[in-house]
Amino acid sequence: METVEKIKQQISENPILLYMKGSPKLPSCGFSAQASQALMSCGEAFAYVDILQNPDIRAELPNYADWPTFPQLWVEGELVGGCDIILEMFQKGELQELIKEVAERHPAPSEE
């Protein structure tokens, strides 16, 4: 699969998706740590892609997104922004509201 196709698929399949360095539990950079911490504080499940494990995505996503840095938060197919925007939204309470609304529209499949 082409890298751009893979990115489009990840974005379309995950209503809340964070492209970051490392994982939410073991972030590999301060910006990714702050962004994932803010998202985890919202209390809803979200998907993430570790760009350090996916160099093709790391190389291609800034072009696709027209956003040069990581982390990148995508919500319902739209790029929300990077660390500064995520933290600013979190401090204003906007991120929590957005994430809660999206999570309600896209309930996680029940584990039966």
PDB file of N, CA and C in Angstrom:
ATOM      1  N   MET A   1       0.849  -1.187   0.000  1.00  0.00           N
ATOM      2  CA  MET A   1       0.000   0.000   0.000  1.00  0.00           C
ATOM      3  C   MET A   1       0.892   1.246   0.000  1.00  0.00           C
ATOM      4  N   GLU A   2       0.516   2.202  -0.817  1.00  0.00           N
ATOM      5  CA  GLU A   2       1.259   3.457  -0.844  1.00  0.00           C
ATOM      6  C   GLU A   2       1.163   4.148   0.508  1.00  0.00           C
ATOM      7  N   THR A   3       2.192   4.866   0.864  1.00  0.00           N
ATOM      8  CA  THR A   3       2.217   5.537   2.171  1.00  0.00           C
ATOM      9  C   THR A   3       1.048   6.500   2.324  1.00  0.00           C
ATOM     10  N   VAL A   4       0.760   7.284   1.304  1.00  0.00           N
ATOM     11  CA  VAL A   4      -0.347   8.245   1.399  1.00  0.00           C
ATOM     12  C   VAL A   4      -1.668   7.510   1.591  1.00  0.00           C
ATOM     13  N   GLU A   5      -1.826   6.381   0.902  1.00  0.00           N
ATOM     14  CA  GLU A   5      -3.049   5.581   1.070  1.00  0.00           C
ATOM     15  C   GLU A   5      -3.156   5.055   2.496  1.00  0.00           C
ATOM     16  N   LYS A   6      -2.014   4.634   3.054  1.00  0.00           N
ATOM     17  CA  LYS A   6      -1.984   4.133   4.427  1.00  0.00           C
ATOM     18  C   LYS A   6      -2.392   5.246   5.400  1.00  0.00           C
ATOM     19  N   ILE A   7      -1.861   6.440   5.179  1.00  0.00           N
ATOM     20  CA  ILE A   7      -2.199   7.585   6.030  1.00  0.00           C
ATOM     21  C   ILE A   7      -3.700   7.881   5.934  1.00  0.00           C
ATOM     22  N   LYS A   8      -4.228   7.934   4.719  1.00  0.00           N
ATOM     23  CA  LYS A   8      -5.663   8.210   4.526  1.00  0.00           C
ATOM     24  C   LYS A   8      -6.510   7.163   5.230  1.00  0.00           C
ATOM     25  N   GLN A   9      -6.082   5.902   5.130  1.00  0.00           N
ATOM     26  CA  GLN A   9      -6.830   4.814   5.763  1.00  0.00           C
ATOM     27  C   GLN A   9      -6.802   4.968   7.287  1.00  0.00           C
ATOM     28  N   GLN A  10      -5.637   5.259   7.848  1.00  0.00           N
ATOM     29  CA  GLN A  10      -5.523   5.435   9.304  1.00  0.00           C
ATOM     30  C   GLN A  10      -6.418   6.580   9.767  1.00  0.00           C
ATOM     31  N   ILE A  11      -6.391   7.679   9.032  1.00  0.00           N
ATOM     32  CA  ILE A  11      -7.174   8.855   9.410  1.00  0.00           C
ATOM     33  C   ILE A  11      -8.670   8.563   9.296  1.00  0.00           C
ATOM     34  N   SER A  12      -9.066   7.819   8.258  1.00  0.00           N
ATOM     35  CA  SER A  12     -10.498   7.548   8.080  1.00  0.00           C
ATOM     36  C   SER A  12     -11.008   6.492   9.071  1.00  0.00           C
ATOM     37  N   GLU A  13     -10.157   5.566   9.481  1.00  0.00           N
ATOM     38  CA  GLU A  13     -10.595   4.482  10.371  1.00  0.00           C
ATOM     39  C   GLU A  13     -10.566   4.874  11.847  1.00  0.00           C
ATOM     40  N   ASN A  14      -9.856   5.941  12.190  1.00  0.00           N
ATOM     41  CA  ASN A  14      -9.710   6.333  13.590  1.00  0.00           C
ATOM     42  C   ASN A  14     -10.232   7.743  13.805  1.00  0.00           C
ATOM     43  N   PRO A  15     -11.404   7.878  14.454  1.00  0.00           N
ATOM     44  CA  PRO A  15     -11.967   9.216  14.640  1.00  0.00           C
ATOM     45  C   PRO A  15     -11.069  10.140  15.451  1.00  0.00           C
ATOM     46  N   ILE A  16     -10.268   9.581  16.361  1.00  0.00           N
ATOM     47  CA  ILE A  16      -9.314  10.385  17.131  1.00  0.00           C
ATOM     48  C   ILE A  16      -7.953   9.718  16.974  1.00  0.00           C
ATOM     49  N   LEU A  17      -7.047  10.397  16.282  1.00  0.00           N
ATOM     50  CA  LEU A  17      -5.764   9.795  15.935  1.00  0.00           C
ATOM     51  C   LEU A  17      -4.635  10.777  16.201  1.00  0.00           C
ATOM     52  N   LEU A  18      -3.626  10.305  16.930  1.00  0.00           N
ATOM     53  CA  LEU A  18      -2.467  11.131  17.223  1.00  0.00           C
ATOM     54  C   LEU A  18      -1.237  10.513  16.570  1.00  0.00           C
ATOM     55  N   TYR A  19      -0.627  11.253  15.665  1.00  0.00           N
ATOM     56  CA  TYR A  19       0.675  10.855  15.129  1.00  0.00           C
ATOM     57  C   TYR A  19       1.703  11.443  16.078  1.00  0.00           C
ATOM     58  N   MET A  20       2.554  10.593  16.641  1.00  0.00           N
ATOM     59  CA  MET A  20       3.477  11.064  17.669  1.00  0.00           C
ATOM     60  C   MET A  20       4.775  10.278  17.631  1.00  0.00           C
ATOM     61  N   LYS A  21       5.748  10.758  18.390  1.00  0.00           N
ATOM     62  CA  LYS A  21       7.011  10.040  18.545  1.00  0.00           C
ATOM     63  C   LYS A  21       6.909   9.203  19.812  1.00  0.00           C
ATOM     64  N   GLY A  22       6.943   7.889  19.630  1.00  0.00           N
ATOM     65  CA  GLY A  22       6.781   6.986  20.763  1.00  0.00           C
ATOM     66  C   GLY A  22       5.318   6.618  20.938  1.00  0.00           C
ATOM     67  N   SER A  23       4.938   6.261  22.164  1.00  0.00           N
ATOM     68  CA  SER A  23       3.557   5.891  22.474  1.00  0.00           C
ATOM     69  C   SER A  23       3.077   6.751  23.641  1.00  0.00           C
ATOM     70  N   PRO A  24       1.760   6.802  23.865  1.00  0.00           N
ATOM     71  CA  PRO A  24       1.267   7.619  24.984  1.00  0.00           C
ATOM     72  C   PRO A  24       1.911   7.222  26.321  1.00  0.00           C
ATOM     73  N   LYS A  25       2.178   5.955  26.521  1.00  0.00           N
ATOM     74  CA  LYS A  25       2.787   5.516  27.779  1.00  0.00           C
ATOM     75  C   LYS A  25       4.300   5.732  27.794  1.00  0.00           C
ATOM     76  N   LEU A  26       4.926   5.687  26.629  1.00  0.00           N
ATOM     77  CA  LEU A  26       6.372   5.894  26.523  1.00  0.00           C
ATOM     78  C   LEU A  26       6.689   6.869  25.395  1.00  0.00           C
ATOM     79  N   PRO A  27       6.331   8.132  25.559  1.00  0.00           N
ATOM     80  CA  PRO A  27       6.616   9.097  24.495  1.00  0.00           C
ATOM     81  C   PRO A  27       8.116   9.320  24.334  1.00  0.00           C
ATOM     82  N   SER A  28       8.525   9.599  23.112  1.00  0.00           N
ATOM     83  CA  SER A  28       9.945   9.778  22.815  1.00  0.00           C
ATOM     84  C   SER A  28      10.340  11.238  22.621  1.00  0.00           C
ATOM     85  N   CYS A  29       9.415  12.162  22.842  1.00  0.00           N
ATOM     86  CA  CYS A  29       9.783  13.574  22.826  1.00  0.00           C
ATOM     87  C   CYS A  29       8.824  14.346  23.712  1.00  0.00           C
ATOM     88  N   GLY A  30       9.285  15.481  24.194  1.00  0.00           N
ATOM     89  CA  GLY A  30       8.485  16.276  25.122  1.00  0.00           C
ATOM     90  C   GLY A  30       7.161  16.740  24.549  1.00  0.00           C
ATOM     91  N   PHE A  31       7.160  17.119  23.269  1.00  0.00           N
ATOM     92  CA  PHE A  31       5.926  17.600  22.649  1.00  0.00           C
ATOM     93  C   PHE A  31       4.905  16.473  22.536  1.00  0.00           C
ATOM     94  N   SER A  32       5.366  15.285  22.136  1.00  0.00           N
ATOM     95  CA  SER A  32       4.467  14.134  22.046  1.00  0.00           C
ATOM     96  C   SER A  32       3.949  13.765  23.433  1.00  0.00           C
ATOM     97  N   ALA A  33       4.814  13.884  24.450  1.00  0.00           N
ATOM     98  CA  ALA A  33       4.403  13.574  25.827  1.00  0.00           C
ATOM     99  C   ALA A  33       3.279  14.515  26.266  1.00  0.00           C
ATOM    100  N   GLN A  34       3.455  15.815  26.008  1.00  0.00           N
ATOM    101  CA  GLN A  34       2.442  16.793  26.428  1.00  0.00           C
ATOM    102  C   GLN A  34       1.131  16.586  25.682  1.00  0.00           C
ATOM    103  N   ALA A  35       1.224  16.339  24.388  1.00  0.00           N
ATOM    104  CA  ALA A  35       0.019  16.163  23.570  1.00  0.00           C
ATOM    105  C   ALA A  35      -0.745  14.911  23.989  1.00  0.00           C
ATOM    106  N   SER A  36      -0.034  13.796  24.179  1.00  0.00           N
ATOM    107  CA  SER A  36      -0.724  12.557  24.547  1.00  0.00           C
ATOM    108  C   SER A  36      -1.276  12.660  25.964  1.00  0.00           C
ATOM    109  N   GLN A  37      -0.587  13.358  26.850  1.00  0.00           N
ATOM    110  CA  GLN A  37      -1.070  13.558  28.224  1.00  0.00           C
ATOM    111  C   GLN A  37      -2.390  14.334  28.211  1.00  0.00           C
ATOM    112  N   ALA A  38      -2.438  15.396  27.408  1.00  0.00           N
ATOM    113  CA  ALA A  38      -3.668  16.188  27.306  1.00  0.00           C
ATOM    114  C   ALA A  38      -4.807  15.327  26.767  1.00  0.00           C
ATOM    115  N   LEU A  39      -4.519  14.517  25.743  1.00  0.00           N
ATOM    116  CA  LEU A  39      -5.550  13.650  25.178  1.00  0.00           C
ATOM    117  C   LEU A  39      -6.011  12.613  26.190  1.00  0.00           C
ATOM    118  N   MET A  40      -5.066  11.983  26.887  1.00  0.00           N
ATOM    119  CA  MET A  40      -5.434  10.971  27.885  1.00  0.00           C
ATOM    120  C   MET A  40      -6.281  11.596  28.987  1.00  0.00           C
ATOM    121  N   SER A  41      -6.027  12.850  29.313  1.00  0.00           N
ATOM    122  CA  SER A  41      -6.791  13.544  30.348  1.00  0.00           C
ATOM    123  C   SER A  41      -8.249  13.742  29.949  1.00  0.00           C
ATOM    124  N   CYS A  42      -8.532  13.663  28.660  1.00  0.00           N
ATOM    125  CA  CYS A  42      -9.914  13.804  28.191  1.00  0.00           C
ATOM    126  C   CYS A  42     -10.736  12.561  28.517  1.00  0.00           C
ATOM    127  N   GLY A  43     -10.059  11.457  28.814  1.00  0.00           N
ATOM    128  CA  GLY A  43     -10.757  10.267  29.287  1.00  0.00           C
ATOM    129  C   GLY A  43     -11.401   9.406  28.221  1.00  0.00           C
ATOM    130  N   GLU A  44     -11.077   9.636  26.961  1.00  0.00           N
ATOM    131  CA  GLU A  44     -11.645   8.815  25.881  1.00  0.00           C
ATOM    132  C   GLU A  44     -10.518   8.079  25.169  1.00  0.00           C
ATOM    133  N   ALA A  45     -10.880   6.949  24.585  1.00  0.00           N
ATOM    134  CA  ALA A  45      -9.894   6.166  23.844  1.00  0.00           C
ATOM    135  C   ALA A  45      -9.498   6.920  22.577  1.00  0.00           C
ATOM    136  N   PHE A  46      -8.239   6.802  22.208  1.00  0.00           N
ATOM    137  CA  PHE A  46      -7.781   7.376  20.945  1.00  0.00           C
ATOM    138  C   PHE A  46      -6.714   6.470  20.363  1.00  0.00           C
ATOM    139  N   ALA A  47      -6.570   6.545  19.060  1.00  0.00           N
ATOM    140  CA  ALA A  47      -5.552   5.752  18.378  1.00  0.00           C
ATOM    141  C   ALA A  47      -4.294   6.599  18.233  1.00  0.00           C
ATOM    142  N   TYR A  48      -3.166   5.939  18.080  1.00  0.00           N
ATOM    143  CA  TYR A  48      -1.933   6.676  17.832  1.00  0.00           C
ATOM    144  C   TYR A  48      -1.073   5.880  16.862  1.00  0.00           C
ATOM    145  N   VAL A  49      -0.197   6.590  16.182  1.00  0.00           N
ATOM    146  CA  VAL A  49       0.800   5.976  15.313  1.00  0.00           C
ATOM    147  C   VAL A  49       2.152   6.515  15.747  1.00  0.00           C
ATOM    148  N   ASP A  50       3.068   5.588  16.059  1.00  0.00           N
ATOM    149  CA  ASP A  50       4.426   5.967  16.434  1.00  0.00           C
ATOM    150  C   ASP A  50       5.211   6.177  15.144  1.00  0.00           C
ATOM    151  N   ILE A  51       5.497   7.443  14.832  1.00  0.00           N
ATOM    152  CA  ILE A  51       6.172   7.735  13.562  1.00  0.00           C
ATOM    153  C   ILE A  51       7.622   7.270  13.572  1.00  0.00           C
ATOM    154  N   LEU A  52       8.183   7.038  14.753  1.00  0.00           N
ATOM    155  CA  LEU A  52       9.558   6.529  14.810  1.00  0.00           C
ATOM    156  C   LEU A  52       9.617   5.083  14.315  1.00  0.00           C
ATOM    157  N   GLN A  53       8.499   4.363  14.467  1.00  0.00           N
ATOM    158  CA  GLN A  53       8.411   2.986  13.969  1.00  0.00           C
ATOM    159  C   GLN A  53       7.943   2.948  12.512  1.00  0.00           C
ATOM    160  N   ASN A  54       7.523   4.088  12.000  1.00  0.00           N
ATOM    161  CA  ASN A  54       6.965   4.168  10.640  1.00  0.00           C
ATOM    162  C   ASN A  54       7.630   5.306   9.876  1.00  0.00           C
ATOM    163  N   PRO A  55       8.912   5.121   9.482  1.00  0.00           N
ATOM    164  CA  PRO A  55       9.645   6.214   8.832  1.00  0.00           C
ATOM    165  C   PRO A  55       8.993   6.695   7.542  1.00  0.00           C
ATOM    166  N   ASP A  56       8.280   5.807   6.847  1.00  0.00           N
ATOM    167  CA  ASP A  56       7.595   6.215   5.615  1.00  0.00           C
ATOM    168  C   ASP A  56       6.506   7.246   5.935  1.00  0.00           C
ATOM    169  N   ILE A  57       5.758   7.000   7.002  1.00  0.00           N
ATOM    170  CA  ILE A  57       4.714   7.944   7.404  1.00  0.00           C
ATOM    171  C   ILE A  57       5.354   9.231   7.915  1.00  0.00           C
ATOM    172  N   ARG A  58       6.442   9.092   8.672  1.00  0.00           N
ATOM    173  CA  ARG A  58       7.133  10.273   9.195  1.00  0.00           C
ATOM    174  C   ARG A  58       7.581  11.178   8.047  1.00  0.00           C
ATOM    175  N   ALA A  59       8.016  10.570   6.959  1.00  0.00           N
ATOM    176  CA  ALA A  59       8.497  11.340   5.809  1.00  0.00           C
ATOM    177  C   ALA A  59       7.342  11.944   5.009  1.00  0.00           C
ATOM    178  N   GLU A  60       6.245  11.226   4.888  1.00  0.00           N
ATOM    179  CA  GLU A  60       5.166  11.616   3.973  1.00  0.00           C
ATOM    180  C   GLU A  60       4.094  12.493   4.620  1.00  0.00           C
ATOM    181  N   LEU A  61       3.799  12.260   5.891  1.00  0.00           N
ATOM    182  CA  LEU A  61       2.670  12.956   6.528  1.00  0.00           C
ATOM    183  C   LEU A  61       2.799  14.480   6.516  1.00  0.00           C
ATOM    184  N   PRO A  62       3.979  15.060   6.791  1.00  0.00           N
ATOM    185  CA  PRO A  62       4.048  16.536   6.746  1.00  0.00           C
ATOM    186  C   PRO A  62       3.608  17.114   5.396  1.00  0.00           C
ATOM    187  N   ASN A  63       3.922  16.420   4.299  1.00  0.00           N
ATOM    188  CA  ASN A  63       3.476  16.871   2.971  1.00  0.00           C
ATOM    189  C   ASN A  63       1.976  16.727   2.829  1.00  0.00           C
ATOM    190  N   TYR A  64       1.471  15.551   3.219  1.00  0.00           N
ATOM    191  CA  TYR A  64       0.037  15.270   3.092  1.00  0.00           C
ATOM    192  C   TYR A  64      -0.774  16.255   3.938  1.00  0.00           C
ATOM    193  N   ALA A  65      -0.312  16.484   5.162  1.00  0.00           N
ATOM    194  CA  ALA A  65      -1.062  17.323   6.103  1.00  0.00           C
ATOM    195  C   ALA A  65      -0.791  18.810   5.896  1.00  0.00           C
ATOM    196  N   ASP A  66       0.276  19.115   5.179  1.00  0.00           N
ATOM    197  CA  ASP A  66       0.732  20.496   5.056  1.00  0.00           C
ATOM    198  C   ASP A  66       1.012  21.062   6.450  1.00  0.00           C
ATOM    199  N   TRP A  67       1.600  20.202   7.292  1.00  0.00           N
ATOM    200  CA  TRP A  67       1.939  20.566   8.672  1.00  0.00           C
ATOM    201  C   TRP A  67       3.299  19.949   8.951  1.00  0.00           C
ATOM    202  N   PRO A  68       4.314  20.748   9.248  1.00  0.00           N
ATOM    203  CA  PRO A  68       5.692  20.244   9.241  1.00  0.00           C
ATOM    204  C   PRO A  68       6.138  19.427  10.447  1.00  0.00           C
ATOM    205  N   THR A  69       5.420  19.520  11.560  1.00  0.00           N
ATOM    206  CA  THR A  69       5.950  18.946  12.795  1.00  0.00           C
ATOM    207  C   THR A  69       5.057  17.855  13.369  1.00  0.00           C
ATOM    208  N   PHE A  70       5.601  17.162  14.351  1.00  0.00           N
ATOM    209  CA  PHE A  70       4.853  16.164  15.119  1.00  0.00           C
ATOM    210  C   PHE A  70       4.890  16.577  16.579  1.00  0.00           C
ATOM    211  N   PRO A  71       3.904  16.227  17.361  1.00  0.00           N
ATOM    212  CA  PRO A  71       2.754  15.389  17.043  1.00  0.00           C
ATOM    213  C   PRO A  71       1.730  16.120  16.167  1.00  0.00           C
ATOM    214  N   GLN A  72       0.828  15.307  15.605  1.00  0.00           N
ATOM    215  CA  GLN A  72      -0.308  15.824  14.844  1.00  0.00           C
ATOM    216  C   GLN A  72      -1.554  15.125  15.350  1.00  0.00           C
ATOM    217  N   LEU A  73      -2.559  15.903  15.701  1.00  0.00           N
ATOM    218  CA  LEU A  73      -3.839  15.344  16.141  1.00  0.00           C
ATOM    219  C   LEU A  73      -4.851  15.474  15.013  1.00  0.00           C
ATOM    220  N   TRP A  74      -5.437  14.336  14.641  1.00  0.00           N
ATOM    221  CA  TRP A  74      -6.484  14.295  13.619  1.00  0.00           C
ATOM    222  C   TRP A  74      -7.777  13.866  14.287  1.00  0.00           C
ATOM    223  N   VAL A  75      -8.846  14.606  14.035  1.00  0.00           N
ATOM    224  CA  VAL A  75     -10.151  14.271  14.596  1.00  0.00           C
ATOM    225  C   VAL A  75     -11.166  14.253  13.463  1.00  0.00           C
ATOM    226  N   GLU A  76     -11.801  13.106  13.294  1.00  0.00           N
ATOM    227  CA  GLU A  76     -12.788  12.906  12.226  1.00  0.00           C
ATOM    228  C   GLU A  76     -12.271  13.372  10.871  1.00  0.00           C
ATOM    229  N   GLY A  77     -11.030  12.991  10.579  1.00  0.00           N
ATOM    230  CA  GLY A  77     -10.472  13.272   9.261  1.00  0.00           C
ATOM    231  C   GLY A  77      -9.893  14.658   9.088  1.00  0.00           C
ATOM    232  N   GLU A  78      -9.979  15.497  10.117  1.00  0.00           N
ATOM    233  CA  GLU A  78      -9.464  16.866  10.025  1.00  0.00           C
ATOM    234  C   GLU A  78      -8.234  17.013  10.917  1.00  0.00           C
ATOM    235  N   LEU A  79      -7.235  17.695  10.411  1.00  0.00           N
ATOM    236  CA  LEU A  79      -6.063  17.995  11.218  1.00  0.00           C
ATOM    237  C   LEU A  79      -6.425  19.093  12.212  1.00  0.00           C
ATOM    238  N   VAL A  80      -6.312  18.788  13.503  1.00  0.00           N
ATOM    239  CA  VAL A  80      -6.577  19.785  14.541  1.00  0.00           C
ATOM    240  C   VAL A  80      -5.335  20.643  14.724  1.00  0.00           C
ATOM    241  N   GLY A  81      -4.170  19.995  14.818  1.00  0.00           N
ATOM    242  CA  GLY A  81      -2.927  20.743  14.946  1.00  0.00           C
ATOM    243  C   GLY A  81      -1.898  19.979  15.745  1.00  0.00           C
ATOM    244  N   GLY A  82      -0.870  20.710  16.166  1.00  0.00           N
ATOM    245  CA  GLY A  82       0.234  20.117  16.896  1.00  0.00           C
ATOM    246  C   GLY A  82       0.149  20.395  18.381  1.00  0.00           C
ATOM    247  N   CYS A  83       1.264  20.237  19.050  1.00  0.00           N
ATOM    248  CA  CYS A  83       1.329  20.323  20.504  1.00  0.00           C
ATOM    249  C   CYS A  83       0.778  21.646  21.047  1.00  0.00           C
ATOM    250  N   ASP A  84       1.221  22.771  20.506  1.00  0.00           N
ATOM    251  CA  ASP A  84       0.781  24.073  21.028  1.00  0.00           C
ATOM    252  C   ASP A  84      -0.729  24.230  20.943  1.00  0.00           C
ATOM    253  N   ILE A  85      -1.291  23.852  19.797  1.00  0.00           N
ATOM    254  CA  ILE A  85      -2.736  23.979  19.591  1.00  0.00           C
ATOM    255  C   ILE A  85      -3.485  23.031  20.523  1.00  0.00           C
ATOM    256  N   ILE A  86      -2.991  21.801  20.650  1.00  0.00           N
ATOM    257  CA  ILE A  86      -3.625  20.815  21.526  1.00  0.00           C
ATOM    258  C   ILE A  86      -3.649  21.337  22.966  1.00  0.00           C
ATOM    259  N   LEU A  87      -2.513  21.841  23.440  1.00  0.00           N
ATOM    260  CA  LEU A  87      -2.442  22.330  24.823  1.00  0.00           C
ATOM    261  C   LEU A  87      -3.312  23.569  25.033  1.00  0.00           C
ATOM    262  N   GLU A  88      -3.332  24.451  24.045  1.00  0.00           N
ATOM    263  CA  GLU A  88      -4.159  25.649  24.151  1.00  0.00           C
ATOM    264  C   GLU A  88      -5.638  25.270  24.219  1.00  0.00           C
ATOM    265  N   MET A  89      -6.054  24.336  23.360  1.00  0.00           N
ATOM    266  CA  MET A  89      -7.445  23.876  23.374  1.00  0.00           C
ATOM    267  C   MET A  89      -7.767  23.201  24.709  1.00  0.00           C
ATOM    268  N   PHE A  90      -6.811  22.416  25.215  1.00  0.00           N
ATOM    269  CA  PHE A  90      -7.019  21.717  26.485  1.00  0.00           C
ATOM    270  C   PHE A  90      -7.220  22.718  27.619  1.00  0.00           C
ATOM    271  N   GLN A  91      -6.380  23.755  27.661  1.00  0.00           N
ATOM    272  CA  GLN A  91      -6.466  24.756  28.734  1.00  0.00           C
ATOM    273  C   GLN A  91      -7.781  25.526  28.686  1.00  0.00           C
ATOM    274  N   LYS A  92      -8.347  25.684  27.479  1.00  0.00           N
ATOM    275  CA  LYS A  92      -9.619  26.398  27.338  1.00  0.00           C
ATOM    276  C   LYS A  92     -10.815  25.465  27.537  1.00  0.00           C
ATOM    277  N   GLY A  93     -10.547  24.151  27.653  1.00  0.00           N
ATOM    278  CA  GLY A  93     -11.640  23.189  27.789  1.00  0.00           C
ATOM    279  C   GLY A  93     -12.220  22.757  26.456  1.00  0.00           C
ATOM    280  N   GLU A  94     -11.677  23.268  25.357  1.00  0.00           N
ATOM    281  CA  GLU A  94     -12.215  22.946  24.025  1.00  0.00           C
ATOM    282  C   GLU A  94     -11.862  21.533  23.600  1.00  0.00           C
ATOM    283  N   LEU A  95     -10.658  21.075  23.961  1.00  0.00           N
ATOM    284  CA  LEU A  95     -10.229  19.741  23.553  1.00  0.00           C
ATOM    285  C   LEU A  95     -11.111  18.681  24.205  1.00  0.00           C
ATOM    286  N   GLN A  96     -11.363  18.825  25.507  1.00  0.00           N
ATOM    287  CA  GLN A  96     -12.190  17.863  26.222  1.00  0.00           C
ATOM    288  C   GLN A  96     -13.576  17.768  25.577  1.00  0.00           C
ATOM    289  N   GLU A  97     -14.145  18.926  25.245  1.00  0.00           N
ATOM    290  CA  GLU A  97     -15.464  18.978  24.628  1.00  0.00           C
ATOM    291  C   GLU A  97     -15.457  18.261  23.275  1.00  0.00           C
ATOM    292  N   LEU A  98     -14.474  18.606  22.444  1.00  0.00           N
ATOM    293  CA  LEU A  98     -14.353  18.012  21.113  1.00  0.00           C
ATOM    294  C   LEU A  98     -14.190  16.493  21.201  1.00  0.00           C
ATOM    295  N   ILE A  99     -13.265  16.040  22.049  1.00  0.00           N
ATOM    296  CA  ILE A  99     -12.979  14.614  22.157  1.00  0.00           C
ATOM    297  C   ILE A  99     -14.200  13.862  22.677  1.00  0.00           C
ATOM    298  N   LYS A 100     -14.907  14.442  23.641  1.00  0.00           N
ATOM    299  CA  LYS A 100     -16.102  13.806  24.206  1.00  0.00           C
ATOM    300  C   LYS A 100     -17.181  13.670  23.131  1.00  0.00           C
ATOM    301  N   GLU A 101     -17.410  14.738  22.380  1.00  0.00           N
ATOM    302  CA  GLU A 101     -18.429  14.711  21.320  1.00  0.00           C
ATOM    303  C   GLU A 101     -18.097  13.656  20.272  1.00  0.00           C
ATOM    304  N   VAL A 102     -16.840  13.616  19.856  1.00  0.00           N
ATOM    305  CA  VAL A 102     -16.422  12.656  18.830  1.00  0.00           C
ATOM    306  C   VAL A 102     -16.561  11.233  19.359  1.00  0.00           C
ATOM    307  N   ALA A 103     -16.160  11.016  20.603  1.00  0.00           N
ATOM    308  CA  ALA A 103     -16.258   9.683  21.198  1.00  0.00           C
ATOM    309  C   ALA A 103     -17.725   9.226  21.272  1.00  0.00           C
ATOM    310  N   GLU A 104     -18.632  10.164  21.542  1.00  0.00           N
ATOM    311  CA  GLU A 104     -20.064   9.817  21.584  1.00  0.00           C
ATOM    312  C   GLU A 104     -20.587   9.469  20.197  1.00  0.00           C
ATOM    313  N   ARG A 105     -20.080  10.154  19.175  1.00  0.00           N
ATOM    314  CA  ARG A 105     -20.514   9.872  17.793  1.00  0.00           C
ATOM    315  C   ARG A 105     -19.914   8.567  17.268  1.00  0.00           C
ATOM    316  N   HIS A 106     -18.785   8.164  17.833  1.00  0.00           N
ATOM    317  CA  HIS A 106     -18.104   6.963  17.372  1.00  0.00           C
ATOM    318  C   HIS A 106     -17.829   6.030  18.547  1.00  0.00           C
ATOM    319  N   PRO A 107     -18.890   5.409  19.082  1.00  0.00           N
ATOM    320  CA  PRO A 107     -18.655   4.554  20.242  1.00  0.00           C
ATOM    321  C   PRO A 107     -17.726   3.402  19.894  1.00  0.00           C
ATOM    322  N   ALA A 108     -16.858   3.093  20.831  1.00  0.00           N
ATOM    323  CA  ALA A 108     -15.928   1.978  20.615  1.00  0.00           C
ATOM    324  C   ALA A 108     -16.740   0.693  20.543  1.00  0.00           C
ATOM    325  N   PRO A 109     -16.318  -0.242  19.689  1.00  0.00           N
ATOM    326  CA  PRO A 109     -17.045  -1.518  19.609  1.00  0.00           C
ATOM    327  C   PRO A 109     -17.028  -2.196  20.976  1.00  0.00           C
ATOM    328  N   SER A 110     -18.185  -2.685  21.394  1.00  0.00           N
ATOM    329  CA  SER A 110     -18.244  -3.335  22.719  1.00  0.00           C
ATOM    330  C   SER A 110     -17.500  -4.668  22.664  1.00  0.00           C
ATOM    331  N   GLU A 111     -16.829  -4.960  23.739  1.00  0.00           N
ATOM    332  CA  GLU A 111     -16.033  -6.193  23.786  1.00  0.00           C
ATOM    333  C   GLU A 111     -16.884  -7.283  24.422  1.00  0.00           C
ATOM    334  N   GLU A 112     -17.446  -8.119  23.576  1.00  0.00           N
ATOM    335  CA  GLU A 112     -18.295  -9.210  24.082  1.00  0.00           C
ATOM    336  C   GLU A 112     -17.646 -10.533  23.871  1.00  0.00           C
TER     337      GLU A 112
END
